[in-house]
Amino acid sequence: MIFKAFTVGMLLLSTSATHASGVQSLIDQAMKDLEVKASDKPYSRVIERMFIGYDADGNPKVGIAQREIESFKPITGIVVVHKTADGFVLHEAIFPDIGKIDSSKDRKQVLSILKQFKKIPFDPHAEKSAVDGLTGATRHGIKTSGYLNYMARRIALEMEAKPDW
């Protein structure tokens, strides 16, 4: 009995550590060669954490936001935004722990949302979302899309404001 409880506890601990290291490795990869500043945890009710990468001149170049998203199981949603000479680009949205969803059919359905969230130029001051429509989206998909769009917009606005975290 004690061995079983210990085994379950170790499994949960290792899953949590693997998840955290997966998120951290994505952040490290996106912020390579940049000075990274992180927001307080939580950043807001909607965004769990935000990171901004600055170049050597102190200009924001890459922003990342993350939050837990309800899907078939709770998963982490990450949005990466790049600041270019032309404005902001929603570089990509990622679910690093998509493996938590056991069913391959359900996983594919959730991953289909991300197809539209790649290399999309957007204006954070515009009233429309970076990604507007999702064909055949479930209620979870529509809600997830709203969160991803909101996170992209907040990152861009914070990059403009150059926060003192």
Foldseek 3Di string as FASTA:
>chain_A
DVVVVVVVVVVVVVVVVVQVVLVVVVVCVLQPQFDKDKDPACPDPLWGIKIFTAHPVRATFKIKTWDFADFVHTFIKMWIWGQDPVGIWRAFIDGSVLVVDPDPVSSVLLVLLGVQRHGFGDDLPDPAFSDHDDPPHDPSSVVVSVSRRVVSSVRRVCSVVVDDD
